[in-house]
């Protein structure tokens, strides 16, 4: 029973991620009407923003706003966008979700950032504060 629930939650979050990506792609499409694109920018901005209406560290309510507002925004956006444009962007987002991920590239990027932080720390320690 628990595995079935977890599978449904994973399926829901995967679908939400793909639809949020499709909203972002649609908001950038000049063939989508401007008012719809503006709503798309708001929905995509909320999905990508690190700032929530209710912070995630507040138990239950912090996650509840993401589980309600994001699907509601996506639902509204899909009602406003022409069906043919939505189908194209949804298919593009679905295909992008199956692209391979390079763990080696991620490690290289993390090492570059750590190296830059080490250089900054060494420069800061070399300063003399009188």
Protein backbone atom coordinates (compact mmCIF):
# COMPACT_ATOMS: atom_id res chain seq x y z
CA UNK A 1 0.00 0.00 0.00
CA UNK A 2 2.77 2.42 0.97
CA UNK A 3 4.71 1.69 -2.23
CA UNK A 4 1.58 2.40 -4.27
CA UNK A 5 1.13 5.78 -2.58
CA UNK A 6 4.80 6.66 -3.11
CA UNK A 7 4.52 5.72 -6.79
CA UNK A 8 1.51 8.02 -7.18
CA UNK A 9 3.31 10.88 -5.43
CA UNK A 10 6.34 10.41 -7.68
CA UNK A 11 4.10 10.34 -10.75
CA UNK A 12 2.34 13.53 -9.61
CA UNK A 13 5.59 15.40 -8.96
CA UNK A 14 7.05 14.24 -12.29
CA UNK A 15 3.95 15.44 -14.12
CA UNK A 16 4.00 18.75 -12.23
CA UNK A 17 7.66 19.30 -13.14
CA UNK A 18 7.00 18.58 -16.82
CA UNK A 19 3.94 20.83 -16.95
CA UNK A 20 5.79 23.66 -15.19
CA UNK A 21 8.54 23.34 -17.81
CA UNK A 22 5.92 23.39 -20.57
CA UNK A 23 4.42 26.57 -19.07
CA UNK A 24 7.87 28.18 -19.15
CA UNK A 25 8.36 27.14 -22.78
CA UNK A 26 4.89 28.44 -23.67
CA UNK A 27 5.47 31.77 -21.95
CA UNK A 28 8.45 32.33 -24.25
CA UNK A 29 6.51 31.48 -27.42
CA UNK A 30 5.51 34.57 -29.46
CA UNK A 31 2.59 32.63 -31.00
CA UNK A 32 0.88 32.48 -27.60
CA UNK A 33 -1.32 35.53 -26.87
CA UNK A 34 0.35 38.16 -24.68
CA UNK A 35 -2.10 38.00 -21.72
CA UNK A 36 -1.66 34.23 -21.59
CA UNK A 37 2.13 34.59 -21.78
CA UNK A 38 2.05 37.03 -18.85
CA UNK A 39 0.14 34.51 -16.75
CA UNK A 40 2.62 31.87 -17.88
CA UNK A 41 5.51 34.04 -16.68
CA UNK A 42 3.81 34.40 -13.29
CA UNK A 43 3.22 30.66 -12.96
CA UNK A 44 6.74 29.76 -14.12
CA UNK A 45 8.22 32.44 -11.88
CA UNK A 46 6.37 31.05 -8.88
CA UNK A 47 7.47 27.51 -9.73
CA UNK A 48 11.13 28.53 -9.99
CA UNK A 49 11.19 31.14 -7.23
CA UNK A 50 12.94 30.27 -3.98
CA UNK A 51 10.49 32.58 -2.21
CA UNK A 52 7.07 31.13 -1.35
CA UNK A 53 3.94 32.79 -0.05
CA UNK A 54 4.14 30.47 2.96
CA UNK A 55 7.71 29.34 3.79
CA UNK A 56 8.35 25.60 3.48
CA UNK A 57 9.68 25.28 7.03
CA UNK A 58 6.16 25.83 8.40
CA UNK A 59 4.78 22.30 8.84
CA UNK A 60 2.06 21.25 6.41
CA UNK A 61 1.12 24.78 5.28
CA UNK A 62 4.55 25.38 3.72
CA UNK A 63 4.14 22.46 1.33
CA UNK A 64 0.40 22.93 0.92
CA UNK A 65 0.78 26.23 -0.94
CA UNK A 66 3.04 24.54 -3.50
CA UNK A 67 0.66 21.62 -3.87
CA UNK A 68 -2.32 23.92 -4.42
CA UNK A 69 -1.11 27.11 -6.08
CA UNK A 70 1.20 25.60 -8.67
CA UNK A 71 -1.32 23.07 -10.05
CA UNK A 72 -4.01 25.76 -9.94
CA UNK A 73 -1.80 28.14 -11.94
CA UNK A 74 -0.94 25.44 -14.45
CA UNK A 75 -4.62 24.54 -14.79
CA UNK A 76 -5.53 28.19 -15.43
CA UNK A 77 -2.73 28.54 -17.97
CA UNK A 78 -3.78 25.39 -19.86
CA UNK A 79 -7.33 26.77 -20.12
CA UNK A 80 -6.05 30.00 -21.70
CA UNK A 81 -3.42 28.70 -24.13
CA UNK A 82 -4.43 27.31 -27.54
CA UNK A 83 -4.49 23.50 -27.42
CA UNK A 84 -2.11 23.03 -30.35
CA UNK A 85 0.59 25.26 -28.77
CA UNK A 86 0.21 23.53 -25.40
CA UNK A 87 0.58 20.10 -27.01
CA UNK A 88 3.82 21.16 -28.74
CA UNK A 89 5.36 22.60 -25.57
CA UNK A 90 4.21 19.70 -23.41
CA UNK A 91 5.80 17.23 -25.83
CA UNK A 92 9.03 19.27 -25.81
CA UNK A 93 9.10 19.33 -22.00
CA UNK A 94 8.40 15.59 -21.86
CA UNK A 95 11.26 14.89 -24.27
CA UNK A 96 13.58 17.12 -22.25
CA UNK A 97 12.81 15.14 -19.11
CA UNK A 98 14.29 12.02 -20.71
CA UNK A 99 17.62 13.58 -21.67
CA UNK A 100 20.66 12.01 -20.05
CA UNK A 101 22.21 13.82 -17.10
CA UNK A 102 25.96 14.13 -16.86
CA UNK A 103 27.11 13.53 -13.31
CA UNK A 104 30.71 14.15 -14.36
CA UNK A 105 29.83 17.64 -15.59
CA UNK A 106 28.03 18.36 -12.31
CA UNK A 107 31.11 17.29 -10.36
CA UNK A 108 33.35 19.52 -12.50
CA UNK A 109 31.07 22.52 -11.92
CA UNK A 110 31.00 21.90 -8.16
CA UNK A 111 34.80 21.63 -8.11
CA UNK A 112 35.13 24.92 -10.00
CA UNK A 113 32.85 26.66 -7.50
CA UNK A 114 34.76 25.15 -4.56
CA UNK A 115 38.04 26.31 -6.11
CA UNK A 116 36.70 29.83 -6.53
CA UNK A 117 35.47 29.85 -2.94
CA UNK A 118 38.89 28.66 -1.76
CA UNK A 119 40.59 31.47 -3.71
CA UNK A 120 38.25 34.04 -2.21
CA UNK A 121 38.83 32.63 1.29
CA UNK A 122 42.63 32.75 0.81
CA UNK A 123 42.43 36.35 -0.40
CA UNK A 124 40.26 37.28 2.55
CA UNK A 125 42.65 35.62 5.02
CA UNK A 126 45.63 37.35 3.44
CA UNK A 127 44.12 40.75 4.19
CA UNK A 128 45.39 42.47 7.27
CA UNK A 129 42.82 44.08 9.46
CA UNK A 130 44.25 46.80 11.72
